[in-house]
């Protein structure tokens, strides 16, 4: 599974949400500045070449659908990000968020409780 570009991830998020969509429907869901239809079509075809997206043909039109779940993608790339940026240490990751005040003591306690329940 290849890493996706930011634009590809944006398209995948839309496909995960919609389940199945034509390029026109994907385009309608894009927030902010919308790419040209042909540009978006190229992005979707690239996703298909990478194995992330499949399609159903309706004449000359294709309806696309995800071949990789959001959970599969998240698991692979969150683990890669932790390895690359936090020396493969979840403790370093959590410490980073605690130092940046992005996680509260209550949330940390909830994480501890989850870990203890699994033991």
PDB file of N, CA and C in Angstrom:
ATOM      1  N   UNK A   1       0.845  -1.170   0.000  1.00  0.00           N
ATOM      2  CA  UNK A   1       0.000   0.000   0.000  1.00  0.00           C
ATOM      3  C   UNK A   1       0.898   1.244   0.000  1.00  0.00           C
ATOM      4  N   UNK A   2       0.789   2.035  -1.048  1.00  0.00           N
ATOM      5  CA  UNK A   2       1.571   3.258  -1.152  1.00  0.00           C
ATOM      6  C   UNK A   2       0.943   4.379  -0.341  1.00  0.00           C
ATOM      7  N   UNK A   3       1.795   5.277   0.164  1.00  0.00           N
ATOM      8  CA  UNK A   3       1.314   6.474   0.871  1.00  0.00           C
ATOM      9  C   UNK A   3       0.595   7.357  -0.126  1.00  0.00           C
ATOM     10  N   UNK A   4      -0.471   7.974   0.321  1.00  0.00           N
ATOM     11  CA  UNK A   4      -1.253   8.849  -0.541  1.00  0.00           C
ATOM     12  C   UNK A   4      -0.817  10.297  -0.393  1.00  0.00           C
ATOM     13  N   UNK A   5      -1.008  11.070  -1.465  1.00  0.00           N
ATOM     14  CA  UNK A   5      -0.791  12.507  -1.393  1.00  0.00           C
ATOM     15  C   UNK A   5      -1.945  13.123  -0.608  1.00  0.00           C
ATOM     16  N   UNK A   6      -1.809  14.386  -0.243  1.00  0.00           N
ATOM     17  CA  UNK A   6      -2.889  15.067   0.487  1.00  0.00           C
ATOM     18  C   UNK A   6      -4.181  15.081  -0.323  1.00  0.00           C
ATOM     19  N   UNK A   7      -4.080  15.347  -1.615  1.00  0.00           N
ATOM     20  CA  UNK A   7      -5.273  15.378  -2.479  1.00  0.00           C
ATOM     21  C   UNK A   7      -5.898  13.989  -2.575  1.00  0.00           C
ATOM     22  N   UNK A   8      -5.063  12.961  -2.705  1.00  0.00           N
ATOM     23  CA  UNK A   8      -5.586  11.594  -2.760  1.00  0.00           C
ATOM     24  C   UNK A   8      -6.288  11.224  -1.462  1.00  0.00           C
ATOM     25  N   UNK A   9      -5.705  11.615  -0.329  1.00  0.00           N
ATOM     26  CA  UNK A   9      -6.349  11.353   0.962  1.00  0.00           C
ATOM     27  C   UNK A   9      -7.693  12.061   1.044  1.00  0.00           C
ATOM     28  N   UNK A  10      -7.758  13.279   0.546  1.00  0.00           N
ATOM     29  CA  UNK A  10      -9.007  14.030   0.560  1.00  0.00           C
ATOM     30  C   UNK A  10     -10.080  13.293  -0.247  1.00  0.00           C
ATOM     31  N   UNK A  11      -9.704  12.766  -1.406  1.00  0.00           N
ATOM     32  CA  UNK A  11     -10.651  12.017  -2.238  1.00  0.00           C
ATOM     33  C   UNK A  11     -11.059  10.723  -1.542  1.00  0.00           C
ATOM     34  N   UNK A  12     -10.101  10.038  -0.923  1.00  0.00           N
ATOM     35  CA  UNK A  12     -10.433   8.804  -0.213  1.00  0.00           C
ATOM     36  C   UNK A  12     -11.394   9.070   0.931  1.00  0.00           C
ATOM     37  N   UNK A  13     -11.219  10.154   1.664  1.00  0.00           N
ATOM     38  CA  UNK A  13     -12.137  10.482   2.756  1.00  0.00           C
ATOM     39  C   UNK A  13     -13.555  10.652   2.228  1.00  0.00           C
ATOM     40  N   UNK A  14     -13.666  11.259   1.063  1.00  0.00           N
ATOM     41  CA  UNK A  14     -14.987  11.434   0.445  1.00  0.00           C
ATOM     42  C   UNK A  14     -15.557  10.080   0.039  1.00  0.00           C
ATOM     43  N   UNK A  15     -14.734   9.238  -0.574  1.00  0.00           N
ATOM     44  CA  UNK A  15     -15.224   7.912  -0.991  1.00  0.00           C
ATOM     45  C   UNK A  15     -15.580   7.046   0.213  1.00  0.00           C
ATOM     46  N   UNK A  16     -14.812   7.134   1.290  1.00  0.00           N
ATOM     47  CA  UNK A  16     -15.167   6.379   2.496  1.00  0.00           C
ATOM     48  C   UNK A  16     -16.518   6.848   3.030  1.00  0.00           C
ATOM     49  N   UNK A  17     -16.763   8.132   2.931  1.00  0.00           N
ATOM     50  CA  UNK A  17     -18.034   8.692   3.414  1.00  0.00           C
ATOM     51  C   UNK A  17     -19.194   8.289   2.500  1.00  0.00           C
ATOM     52  N   UNK A  18     -19.005   8.430   1.193  1.00  0.00           N
ATOM     53  CA  UNK A  18     -20.092   8.176   0.239  1.00  0.00           C
ATOM     54  C   UNK A  18     -20.268   6.693  -0.103  1.00  0.00           C
ATOM     55  N   UNK A  19     -19.248   5.893   0.090  1.00  0.00           N
ATOM     56  CA  UNK A  19     -19.230   4.456  -0.237  1.00  0.00           C
ATOM     57  C   UNK A  19     -19.059   4.195  -1.740  1.00  0.00           C
ATOM     58  N   UNK A  20     -19.823   4.865  -2.581  1.00  0.00           N
ATOM     59  CA  UNK A  20     -19.716   4.761  -4.042  1.00  0.00           C
ATOM     60  C   UNK A  20     -20.009   6.137  -4.617  1.00  0.00           C
ATOM     61  N   UNK A  21     -19.254   6.543  -5.647  1.00  0.00           N
ATOM     62  CA  UNK A  21     -19.509   7.875  -6.205  1.00  0.00           C
ATOM     63  C   UNK A  21     -18.916   8.016  -7.596  1.00  0.00           C
ATOM     64  N   UNK A  22     -19.578   8.808  -8.409  1.00  0.00           N
ATOM     65  CA  UNK A  22     -19.049   9.234  -9.689  1.00  0.00           C
ATOM     66  C   UNK A  22     -18.130  10.427  -9.431  1.00  0.00           C
ATOM     67  N   UNK A  23     -17.232  10.723 -10.366  1.00  0.00           N
ATOM     68  CA  UNK A  23     -16.309  11.843 -10.192  1.00  0.00           C
ATOM     69  C   UNK A  23     -17.084  13.130  -9.888  1.00  0.00           C
ATOM     70  N   UNK A  24     -18.190  13.330 -10.578  1.00  0.00           N
ATOM     71  CA  UNK A  24     -19.010  14.530 -10.366  1.00  0.00           C
ATOM     72  C   UNK A  24     -19.470  14.631  -8.913  1.00  0.00           C
ATOM     73  N   UNK A  25     -19.855  13.510  -8.322  1.00  0.00           N
ATOM     74  CA  UNK A  25     -20.316  13.504  -6.922  1.00  0.00           C
ATOM     75  C   UNK A  25     -19.163  13.774  -5.962  1.00  0.00           C
ATOM     76  N   UNK A  26     -17.988  13.250  -6.288  1.00  0.00           N
ATOM     77  CA  UNK A  26     -16.802  13.522  -5.462  1.00  0.00           C
ATOM     78  C   UNK A  26     -16.495  15.018  -5.511  1.00  0.00           C
ATOM     79  N   UNK A  27     -16.544  15.585  -6.708  1.00  0.00           N
ATOM     80  CA  UNK A  27     -16.261  17.004  -6.901  1.00  0.00           C
ATOM     81  C   UNK A  27     -17.193  17.876  -6.056  1.00  0.00           C
ATOM     82  N   UNK A  28     -18.455  17.502  -5.991  1.00  0.00           N
ATOM     83  CA  UNK A  28     -19.436  18.266  -5.208  1.00  0.00           C
ATOM     84  C   UNK A  28     -19.108  18.270  -3.711  1.00  0.00           C
ATOM     85  N   UNK A  29     -18.437  17.228  -3.236  1.00  0.00           N
ATOM     86  CA  UNK A  29     -18.127  17.093  -1.808  1.00  0.00           C
ATOM     87  C   UNK A  29     -16.847  17.810  -1.386  1.00  0.00           C
ATOM     88  N   UNK A  30     -16.042  18.248  -2.338  1.00  0.00           N
ATOM     89  CA  UNK A  30     -14.769  18.894  -2.005  1.00  0.00           C
ATOM     90  C   UNK A  30     -15.029  20.290  -1.458  1.00  0.00           C
ATOM     91  N   UNK A  31     -14.453  20.554  -0.274  1.00  0.00           N
ATOM     92  CA  UNK A  31     -14.581  21.872   0.340  1.00  0.00           C
ATOM     93  C   UNK A  31     -13.556  22.827  -0.261  1.00  0.00           C
ATOM     94  N   UNK A  32     -13.886  24.096  -0.258  1.00  0.00           N
ATOM     95  CA  UNK A  32     -12.941  25.105  -0.730  1.00  0.00           C
ATOM     96  C   UNK A  32     -12.814  25.100  -2.246  1.00  0.00           C
ATOM     97  N   UNK A  33     -11.616  25.440  -2.686  1.00  0.00           N
ATOM     98  CA  UNK A  33     -11.356  25.524  -4.122  1.00  0.00           C
ATOM     99  C   UNK A  33     -11.405  24.135  -4.752  1.00  0.00           C
ATOM    100  N   UNK A  34     -12.262  23.998  -5.725  1.00  0.00           N
ATOM    101  CA  UNK A  34     -12.459  22.702  -6.369  1.00  0.00           C
ATOM    102  C   UNK A  34     -11.509  22.549  -7.554  1.00  0.00           C
ATOM    103  N   UNK A  35     -10.912  21.368  -7.690  1.00  0.00           N
ATOM    104  CA  UNK A  35     -10.059  21.134  -8.859  1.00  0.00           C
ATOM    105  C   UNK A  35     -10.913  21.015 -10.113  1.00  0.00           C
ATOM    106  N   UNK A  36     -10.281  21.128 -11.253  1.00  0.00           N
ATOM    107  CA  UNK A  36     -10.974  20.899 -12.518  1.00  0.00           C
ATOM    108  C   UNK A  36     -11.416  19.434 -12.565  1.00  0.00           C
ATOM    109  N   UNK A  37     -12.525  19.164 -13.208  1.00  0.00           N
ATOM    110  CA  UNK A  37     -13.064  17.802 -13.317  1.00  0.00           C
ATOM    111  C   UNK A  37     -11.995  16.818 -13.802  1.00  0.00           C
ATOM    112  N   UNK A  38     -11.241  17.197 -14.852  1.00  0.00           N
ATOM    113  CA  UNK A  38     -10.218  16.295 -15.409  1.00  0.00           C
ATOM    114  C   UNK A  38      -9.098  16.022 -14.409  1.00  0.00           C
ATOM    115  N   UNK A  39      -8.750  17.026 -13.630  1.00  0.00           N
ATOM    116  CA  UNK A  39      -7.720  16.846 -12.597  1.00  0.00           C
ATOM    117  C   UNK A  39      -8.195  15.841 -11.550  1.00  0.00           C
ATOM    118  N   UNK A  40      -9.426  15.999 -11.109  1.00  0.00           N
ATOM    119  CA  UNK A  40      -9.993  15.075 -10.129  1.00  0.00           C
ATOM    120  C   UNK A  40     -10.094  13.666 -10.702  1.00  0.00           C
ATOM    121  N   UNK A  41     -10.482  13.566 -11.949  1.00  0.00           N
ATOM    122  CA  UNK A  41     -10.573  12.267 -12.614  1.00  0.00           C
ATOM    123  C   UNK A  41      -9.208  11.574 -12.635  1.00  0.00           C
ATOM    124  N   UNK A  42      -8.156  12.342 -12.874  1.00  0.00           N
ATOM    125  CA  UNK A  42      -6.791  11.797 -12.867  1.00  0.00           C
ATOM    126  C   UNK A  42      -6.418  11.309 -11.471  1.00  0.00           C
ATOM    127  N   UNK A  43      -6.763  12.074 -10.456  1.00  0.00           N
ATOM    128  CA  UNK A  43      -6.483  11.667  -9.065  1.00  0.00           C
ATOM    129  C   UNK A  43      -7.175  10.339  -8.762  1.00  0.00           C
ATOM    130  N   UNK A  44      -8.431  10.214  -9.170  1.00  0.00           N
ATOM    131  CA  UNK A  44      -9.188   8.988  -8.909  1.00  0.00           C
ATOM    132  C   UNK A  44      -8.553   7.807  -9.658  1.00  0.00           C
ATOM    133  N   UNK A  45      -8.140   8.024 -10.894  1.00  0.00           N
ATOM    134  CA  UNK A  45      -7.478   6.946 -11.654  1.00  0.00           C
ATOM    135  C   UNK A  45      -6.151   6.542 -11.001  1.00  0.00           C
ATOM    136  N   UNK A  46      -5.425   7.536 -10.456  1.00  0.00           N
ATOM    137  CA  UNK A  46      -4.186   7.222  -9.734  1.00  0.00           C
ATOM    138  C   UNK A  46      -4.482   6.364  -8.505  1.00  0.00           C
ATOM    139  N   UNK A  47      -5.560   6.683  -7.812  1.00  0.00           N
ATOM    140  CA  UNK A  47      -5.963   5.872  -6.657  1.00  0.00           C
ATOM    141  C   UNK A  47      -6.301   4.451  -7.084  1.00  0.00           C
ATOM    142  N   UNK A  48      -6.889   4.332  -8.250  1.00  0.00           N
ATOM    143  CA  UNK A  48      -7.221   3.011  -8.760  1.00  0.00           C
ATOM    144  C   UNK A  48      -5.941   2.234  -9.091  1.00  0.00           C
ATOM    145  N   UNK A  49      -4.974   2.893  -9.718  1.00  0.00           N
ATOM    146  CA  UNK A  49      -3.696   2.246 -10.048  1.00  0.00           C
ATOM    147  C   UNK A  49      -2.953   1.810  -8.788  1.00  0.00           C
ATOM    148  N   UNK A  50      -3.096   2.565  -7.710  1.00  0.00           N
ATOM    149  CA  UNK A  50      -2.444   2.229  -6.443  1.00  0.00           C
ATOM    150  C   UNK A  50      -3.196   1.139  -5.682  1.00  0.00           C
ATOM    151  N   UNK A  51      -4.381   0.768  -6.155  1.00  0.00           N
ATOM    152  CA  UNK A  51      -5.144  -0.293  -5.513  1.00  0.00           C
ATOM    153  C   UNK A  51      -6.094   0.165  -4.422  1.00  0.00           C
ATOM    154  N   UNK A  52      -6.290   1.459  -4.283  1.00  0.00           N
ATOM    155  CA  UNK A  52      -7.172   1.982  -3.247  1.00  0.00           C
ATOM    156  C   UNK A  52      -8.624   2.038  -3.680  1.00  0.00           C
ATOM    157  N   UNK A  53      -8.855   2.113  -4.991  1.00  0.00           N
ATOM    158  CA  UNK A  53     -10.187   2.354  -5.521  1.00  0.00           C
ATOM    159  C   UNK A  53     -10.480   1.339  -6.634  1.00  0.00           C
ATOM    160  N   UNK A  54     -11.728   0.878  -6.659  1.00  0.00           N
ATOM    161  CA  UNK A  54     -12.221   0.059  -7.754  1.00  0.00           C
ATOM    162  C   UNK A  54     -13.327   0.823  -8.460  1.00  0.00           C
ATOM    163  N   UNK A  55     -13.845   0.249  -9.542  1.00  0.00           N
ATOM    164  CA  UNK A  55     -14.939   0.952 -10.225  1.00  0.00           C
ATOM    165  C   UNK A  55     -15.924  -0.029 -10.848  1.00  0.00           C
ATOM    166  N   UNK A  56     -17.124   0.480 -11.071  1.00  0.00           N
ATOM    167  CA  UNK A  56     -18.160  -0.199 -11.829  1.00  0.00           C
ATOM    168  C   UNK A  56     -18.384   0.655 -13.070  1.00  0.00           C
ATOM    169  N   UNK A  57     -18.462   0.022 -14.240  1.00  0.00           N
ATOM    170  CA  UNK A  57     -18.670   0.764 -15.479  1.00  0.00           C
ATOM    171  C   UNK A  57     -20.160   0.888 -15.776  1.00  0.00           C
ATOM    172  N   UNK A  58     -20.549   2.071 -16.177  1.00  0.00           N
ATOM    173  CA  UNK A  58     -21.899   2.355 -16.649  1.00  0.00           C
ATOM    174  C   UNK A  58     -21.732   3.050 -17.994  1.00  0.00           C
ATOM    175  N   UNK A  59     -21.563   2.260 -19.042  1.00  0.00           N
ATOM    176  CA  UNK A  59     -21.252   2.833 -20.352  1.00  0.00           C
ATOM    177  C   UNK A  59     -19.865   3.438 -20.302  1.00  0.00           C
ATOM    178  N   UNK A  60     -19.766   4.717 -20.653  1.00  0.00           N
ATOM    179  CA  UNK A  60     -18.471   5.412 -20.616  1.00  0.00           C
ATOM    180  C   UNK A  60     -18.168   6.022 -19.255  1.00  0.00           C
ATOM    181  N   UNK A  61     -19.080   5.876 -18.315  1.00  0.00           N
ATOM    182  CA  UNK A  61     -18.929   6.478 -16.996  1.00  0.00           C
ATOM    183  C   UNK A  61     -18.561   5.407 -15.986  1.00  0.00           C
ATOM    184  N   UNK A  62     -17.774   5.795 -14.985  1.00  0.00           N
ATOM    185  CA  UNK A  62     -17.393   4.870 -13.923  1.00  0.00           C
ATOM    186  C   UNK A  62     -17.865   5.394 -12.578  1.00  0.00           C
ATOM    187  N   UNK A  63     -18.369   4.481 -11.766  1.00  0.00           N
ATOM    188  CA  UNK A  63     -18.682   4.799 -10.378  1.00  0.00           C
ATOM    189  C   UNK A  63     -17.603   4.124  -9.537  1.00  0.00           C
ATOM    190  N   UNK A  64     -16.958   4.897  -8.694  1.00  0.00           N
ATOM    191  CA  UNK A  64     -15.805   4.434  -7.927  1.00  0.00           C
ATOM    192  C   UNK A  64     -16.202   4.078  -6.500  1.00  0.00           C
ATOM    193  N   UNK A  65     -15.429   3.160  -5.924  1.00  0.00           N
ATOM    194  CA  UNK A  65     -15.663   2.743  -4.546  1.00  0.00           C
ATOM    195  C   UNK A  65     -14.326   2.375  -3.904  1.00  0.00           C
ATOM    196  N   UNK A  66     -14.217   2.532  -2.581  1.00  0.00           N
ATOM    197  CA  UNK A  66     -12.962   2.214  -1.885  1.00  0.00           C
ATOM    198  C   UNK A  66     -12.704   0.708  -1.874  1.00  0.00           C
ATOM    199  N   UNK A  67     -11.451   0.339  -2.068  1.00  0.00           N
ATOM    200  CA  UNK A  67     -11.032  -1.058  -1.959  1.00  0.00           C
ATOM    201  C   UNK A  67     -10.254  -1.273  -0.652  1.00  0.00           C
ATOM    202  N   UNK A  68      -9.896  -0.179  -0.005  1.00  0.00           N
ATOM    203  CA  UNK A  68      -9.173  -0.194   1.267  1.00  0.00           C
ATOM    204  C   UNK A  68     -10.036   0.562   2.268  1.00  0.00           C
ATOM    205  N   UNK A  69     -10.223  -0.012   3.432  1.00  0.00           N
ATOM    206  CA  UNK A  69     -11.031   0.675   4.439  1.00  0.00           C
ATOM    207  C   UNK A  69     -10.218   1.802   5.085  1.00  0.00           C
ATOM    208  N   UNK A  70     -10.935   2.725   5.651  1.00  0.00           N
ATOM    209  CA  UNK A  70     -10.294   3.828   6.375  1.00  0.00           C
ATOM    210  C   UNK A  70      -9.445   3.272   7.514  1.00  0.00           C
ATOM    211  N   UNK A  71      -9.942   2.243   8.170  1.00  0.00           N
ATOM    212  CA  UNK A  71      -9.226   1.639   9.299  1.00  0.00           C
ATOM    213  C   UNK A  71      -7.917   0.999   8.844  1.00  0.00           C
ATOM    214  N   UNK A  72      -7.930   0.306   7.695  1.00  0.00           N
ATOM    215  CA  UNK A  72      -6.702  -0.304   7.167  1.00  0.00           C
ATOM    216  C   UNK A  72      -5.656   0.765   6.874  1.00  0.00           C
ATOM    217  N   UNK A  73      -6.092   1.835   6.233  1.00  0.00           N
ATOM    218  CA  UNK A  73      -5.174   2.917   5.884  1.00  0.00           C
ATOM    219  C   UNK A  73      -4.640   3.591   7.141  1.00  0.00           C
ATOM    220  N   UNK A  74      -5.535   3.906   8.051  1.00  0.00           N
ATOM    221  CA  UNK A  74      -5.133   4.592   9.285  1.00  0.00           C
ATOM    222  C   UNK A  74      -4.124   3.750  10.064  1.00  0.00           C
ATOM    223  N   UNK A  75      -4.395   2.470  10.191  1.00  0.00           N
ATOM    224  CA  UNK A  75      -3.501   1.596  10.960  1.00  0.00           C
ATOM    225  C   UNK A  75      -2.094   1.602  10.374  1.00  0.00           C
ATOM    226  N   UNK A  76      -2.007   1.471   9.063  1.00  0.00           N
ATOM    227  CA  UNK A  76      -0.696   1.413   8.423  1.00  0.00           C
ATOM    228  C   UNK A  76       0.049   2.732   8.568  1.00  0.00           C
ATOM    229  N   UNK A  77      -0.602   3.846   8.307  1.00  0.00           N
ATOM    230  CA  UNK A  77       0.106   5.116   8.272  1.00  0.00           C
ATOM    231  C   UNK A  77       0.229   5.813   9.611  1.00  0.00           C
ATOM    232  N   UNK A  78      -0.639   5.511  10.556  1.00  0.00           N
ATOM    233  CA  UNK A  78      -0.426   6.033  11.904  1.00  0.00           C
ATOM    234  C   UNK A  78       0.796   5.342  12.501  1.00  0.00           C
ATOM    235  N   UNK A  79       0.882   4.034  12.306  1.00  0.00           N
ATOM    236  CA  UNK A  79       2.049   3.304  12.808  1.00  0.00           C
ATOM    237  C   UNK A  79       3.332   3.805  12.154  1.00  0.00           C
ATOM    238  N   UNK A  80       3.285   4.096  10.847  1.00  0.00           N
ATOM    239  CA  UNK A  80       4.461   4.613  10.140  1.00  0.00           C
ATOM    240  C   UNK A  80       4.835   5.995  10.662  1.00  0.00           C
ATOM    241  N   UNK A  81       3.845   6.840  10.919  1.00  0.00           N
ATOM    242  CA  UNK A  81       4.114   8.190  11.434  1.00  0.00           C
ATOM    243  C   UNK A  81       4.743   8.115  12.827  1.00  0.00           C
ATOM    244  N   UNK A  82       4.244   7.211  13.650  1.00  0.00           N
ATOM    245  CA  UNK A  82       4.811   7.057  14.998  1.00  0.00           C
ATOM    246  C   UNK A  82       6.256   6.585  14.897  1.00  0.00           C
ATOM    247  N   UNK A  83       6.509   5.657  13.988  1.00  0.00           N
ATOM    248  CA  UNK A  83       7.879   5.171  13.799  1.00  0.00           C
ATOM    249  C   UNK A  83       8.787   6.296  13.291  1.00  0.00           C
ATOM    250  N   UNK A  84       8.304   7.074  12.325  1.00  0.00           N
ATOM    251  CA  UNK A  84       9.126   8.124  11.705  1.00  0.00           C
ATOM    252  C   UNK A  84       9.347   9.331  12.606  1.00  0.00           C
ATOM    253  N   UNK A  85       8.315   9.767  13.333  1.00  0.00           N
ATOM    254  CA  UNK A  85       8.390  11.028  14.056  1.00  0.00           C
ATOM    255  C   UNK A  85       8.530  10.893  15.568  1.00  0.00           C
ATOM    256  N   UNK A  86       8.242   9.709  16.092  1.00  0.00           N
ATOM    257  CA  UNK A  86       8.288   9.538  17.548  1.00  0.00           C
ATOM    258  C   UNK A  86       9.146   8.343  17.957  1.00  0.00           C
ATOM    259  N   UNK A  87      10.116   7.999  17.108  1.00  0.00           N
ATOM    260  CA  UNK A  87      11.054   6.908  17.395  1.00  0.00           C
ATOM    261  C   UNK A  87      10.342   5.620  17.793  1.00  0.00           C
ATOM    262  N   UNK A  88       9.218   5.365  17.141  1.00  0.00           N
ATOM    263  CA  UNK A  88       8.435   4.149  17.382  1.00  0.00           C
ATOM    264  C   UNK A  88       7.951   4.049  18.826  1.00  0.00           C
ATOM    265  N   UNK A  89       7.752   5.197  19.464  1.00  0.00           N
ATOM    266  CA  UNK A  89       7.357   5.236  20.863  1.00  0.00           C
ATOM    267  C   UNK A  89       6.000   5.916  21.028  1.00  0.00           C
ATOM    268  N   UNK A  90       5.012   5.138  21.459  1.00  0.00           N
ATOM    269  CA  UNK A  90       3.699   5.716  21.738  1.00  0.00           C
ATOM    270  C   UNK A  90       3.785   6.667  22.927  1.00  0.00           C
ATOM    271  N   UNK A  91       4.688   6.379  23.850  1.00  0.00           N
ATOM    272  CA  UNK A  91       4.898   7.268  24.994  1.00  0.00           C
ATOM    273  C   UNK A  91       5.334   8.645  24.513  1.00  0.00           C
ATOM    274  N   UNK A  92       6.246   8.692  23.534  1.00  0.00           N
ATOM    275  CA  UNK A  92       6.689   9.982  22.978  1.00  0.00           C
ATOM    276  C   UNK A  92       5.541  10.705  22.291  1.00  0.00           C
ATOM    277  N   UNK A  93       4.698   9.943  21.603  1.00  0.00           N
ATOM    278  CA  UNK A  93       3.540  10.535  20.926  1.00  0.00           C
ATOM    279  C   UNK A  93       2.599  11.179  21.945  1.00  0.00           C
ATOM    280  N   UNK A  94       2.244  10.443  22.981  1.00  0.00           N
ATOM    281  CA  UNK A  94       1.327  10.961  23.995  1.00  0.00           C
ATOM    282  C   UNK A  94       1.964  12.135  24.732  1.00  0.00           C
ATOM    283  N   UNK A  95       3.269  12.043  25.018  1.00  0.00           N
ATOM    284  CA  UNK A  95       3.971  13.144  25.681  1.00  0.00           C
ATOM    285  C   UNK A  95       3.925  14.410  24.836  1.00  0.00           C
ATOM    286  N   UNK A  96       4.081  14.239  23.534  1.00  0.00           N
ATOM    287  CA  UNK A  96       4.009  15.389  22.618  1.00  0.00           C
ATOM    288  C   UNK A  96       2.663  16.090  22.758  1.00  0.00           C
ATOM    289  N   UNK A  97       1.577  15.317  22.710  1.00  0.00           N
ATOM    290  CA  UNK A  97       0.250  15.916  22.804  1.00  0.00           C
ATOM    291  C   UNK A  97      -0.003  16.517  24.188  1.00  0.00           C
ATOM    292  N   UNK A  98       0.532  15.897  25.224  1.00  0.00           N
ATOM    293  CA  UNK A  98       0.381  16.448  26.574  1.00  0.00           C
ATOM    294  C   UNK A  98       1.129  17.773  26.682  1.00  0.00           C
ATOM    295  N   UNK A  99       2.349  17.828  26.140  1.00  0.00           N
ATOM    296  CA  UNK A  99       3.141  19.068  26.190  1.00  0.00           C
ATOM    297  C   UNK A  99       2.505  20.182  25.370  1.00  0.00           C
ATOM    298  N   UNK A 100       1.854  19.830  24.296  1.00  0.00           N
ATOM    299  CA  UNK A 100       1.188  20.822  23.452  1.00  0.00           C
ATOM    300  C   UNK A 100      -0.211  21.174  23.980  1.00  0.00           C
ATOM    301  N   UNK A 101      -0.583  20.551  25.090  1.00  0.00           N
ATOM    302  CA  UNK A 101      -1.893  20.743  25.714  1.00  0.00           C
ATOM    303  C   UNK A 101      -3.028  20.386  24.757  1.00  0.00           C
ATOM    304  N   UNK A 102      -2.806  19.331  23.965  1.00  0.00           N
ATOM    305  CA  UNK A 102      -3.822  18.833  23.039  1.00  0.00           C
ATOM    306  C   UNK A 102      -4.601  17.675  23.644  1.00  0.00           C
ATOM    307  N   UNK A 103      -4.153  17.231  24.831  1.00  0.00           N
ATOM    308  CA  UNK A 103      -4.828  16.129  25.513  1.00  0.00           C
ATOM    309  C   UNK A 103      -4.896  16.482  27.001  1.00  0.00           C
ATOM    310  N   UNK A 104      -6.046  16.227  27.583  1.00  0.00           N
ATOM    311  CA  UNK A 104      -6.252  16.602  28.984  1.00  0.00           C
ATOM    312  C   UNK A 104      -5.922  15.429  29.908  1.00  0.00           C
ATOM    313  N   UNK A 105      -5.828  15.736  31.183  1.00  0.00           N
ATOM    314  CA  UNK A 105      -5.596  14.706  32.198  1.00  0.00           C
ATOM    315  C   UNK A 105      -6.739  13.694  32.167  1.00  0.00           C
ATOM    316  N   UNK A 106      -7.963  14.194  32.006  1.00  0.00           N
ATOM    317  CA  UNK A 106      -9.134  13.311  31.945  1.00  0.00           C
ATOM    318  C   UNK A 106      -9.009  12.347  30.756  1.00  0.00           C
ATOM    319  N   UNK A 107      -8.600  12.872  29.599  1.00  0.00           N
ATOM    320  CA  UNK A 107      -8.439  12.009  28.421  1.00  0.00           C
ATOM    321  C   UNK A 107      -7.321  10.992  28.635  1.00  0.00           C
ATOM    322  N   UNK A 108      -6.237  11.411  29.266  1.00  0.00           N
ATOM    323  CA  UNK A 108      -5.155  10.471  29.578  1.00  0.00           C
ATOM    324  C   UNK A 108      -5.646   9.370  30.509  1.00  0.00           C
ATOM    325  N   UNK A 109      -6.461   9.736  31.490  1.00  0.00           N
ATOM    326  CA  UNK A 109      -7.014   8.733  32.410  1.00  0.00           C
ATOM    327  C   UNK A 109      -7.915   7.760  31.664  1.00  0.00           C
ATOM    328  N   UNK A 110      -8.698   8.262  30.699  1.00  0.00           N
ATOM    329  CA  UNK A 110      -9.554   7.388  29.890  1.00  0.00           C
ATOM    330  C   UNK A 110      -8.705   6.388  29.097  1.00  0.00           C
ATOM    331  N   UNK A 111      -7.563   6.846  28.583  1.00  0.00           N
ATOM    332  CA  UNK A 111      -6.658   5.957  27.847  1.00  0.00           C
ATOM    333  C   UNK A 111      -6.107   4.888  28.787  1.00  0.00           C
ATOM    334  N   UNK A 112      -5.701   5.298  29.981  1.00  0.00           N
ATOM    335  CA  UNK A 112      -5.186   4.347  30.980  1.00  0.00           C
ATOM    336  C   UNK A 112      -6.263   3.314  31.314  1.00  0.00           C
ATOM    337  N   UNK A 113      -7.497   3.780  31.515  1.00  0.00           N
ATOM    338  CA  UNK A 113      -8.595   2.876  31.828  1.00  0.00           C
ATOM    339  C   UNK A 113      -8.814   1.867  30.688  1.00  0.00           C
ATOM    340  N   UNK A 114      -8.736   2.319  29.450  1.00  0.00           N
ATOM    341  CA  UNK A 114      -8.887   1.412  28.305  1.00  0.00           C
ATOM    342  C   UNK A 114      -7.803   0.340  28.296  1.00  0.00           C
ATOM    343  N   UNK A 115      -6.577   0.763  28.573  1.00  0.00           N
ATOM    344  CA  UNK A 115      -5.443  -0.184  28.591  1.00  0.00           C
ATOM    345  C   UNK A 115      -5.623  -1.200  29.704  1.00  0.00           C
ATOM    346  N   UNK A 116      -6.033  -0.723  30.882  1.00  0.00           N
ATOM    347  CA  UNK A 116      -6.224  -1.629  32.013  1.00  0.00           C
ATOM    348  C   UNK A 116      -7.349  -2.627  31.781  1.00  0.00           C
ATOM    349  N   UNK A 117      -8.395  -2.224  31.071  1.00  0.00           N
ATOM    350  CA  UNK A 117      -9.505  -3.130  30.772  1.00  0.00           C
ATOM    351  C   UNK A 117      -9.065  -4.259  29.859  1.00  0.00           C
ATOM    352  N   UNK A 118      -8.076  -4.023  29.012  1.00  0.00           N
ATOM    353  CA  UNK A 118      -7.613  -5.043  28.066  1.00  0.00           C
ATOM    354  C   UNK A 118      -6.695  -6.064  28.718  1.00  0.00           C
ATOM    355  N   UNK A 119      -6.202  -5.764  29.923  1.00  0.00           N
ATOM    356  CA  UNK A 119      -5.277  -6.686  30.604  1.00  0.00           C
ATOM    357  C   UNK A 119      -6.017  -7.848  31.182  1.00  0.00           C
TER     358      UNK A 119
END
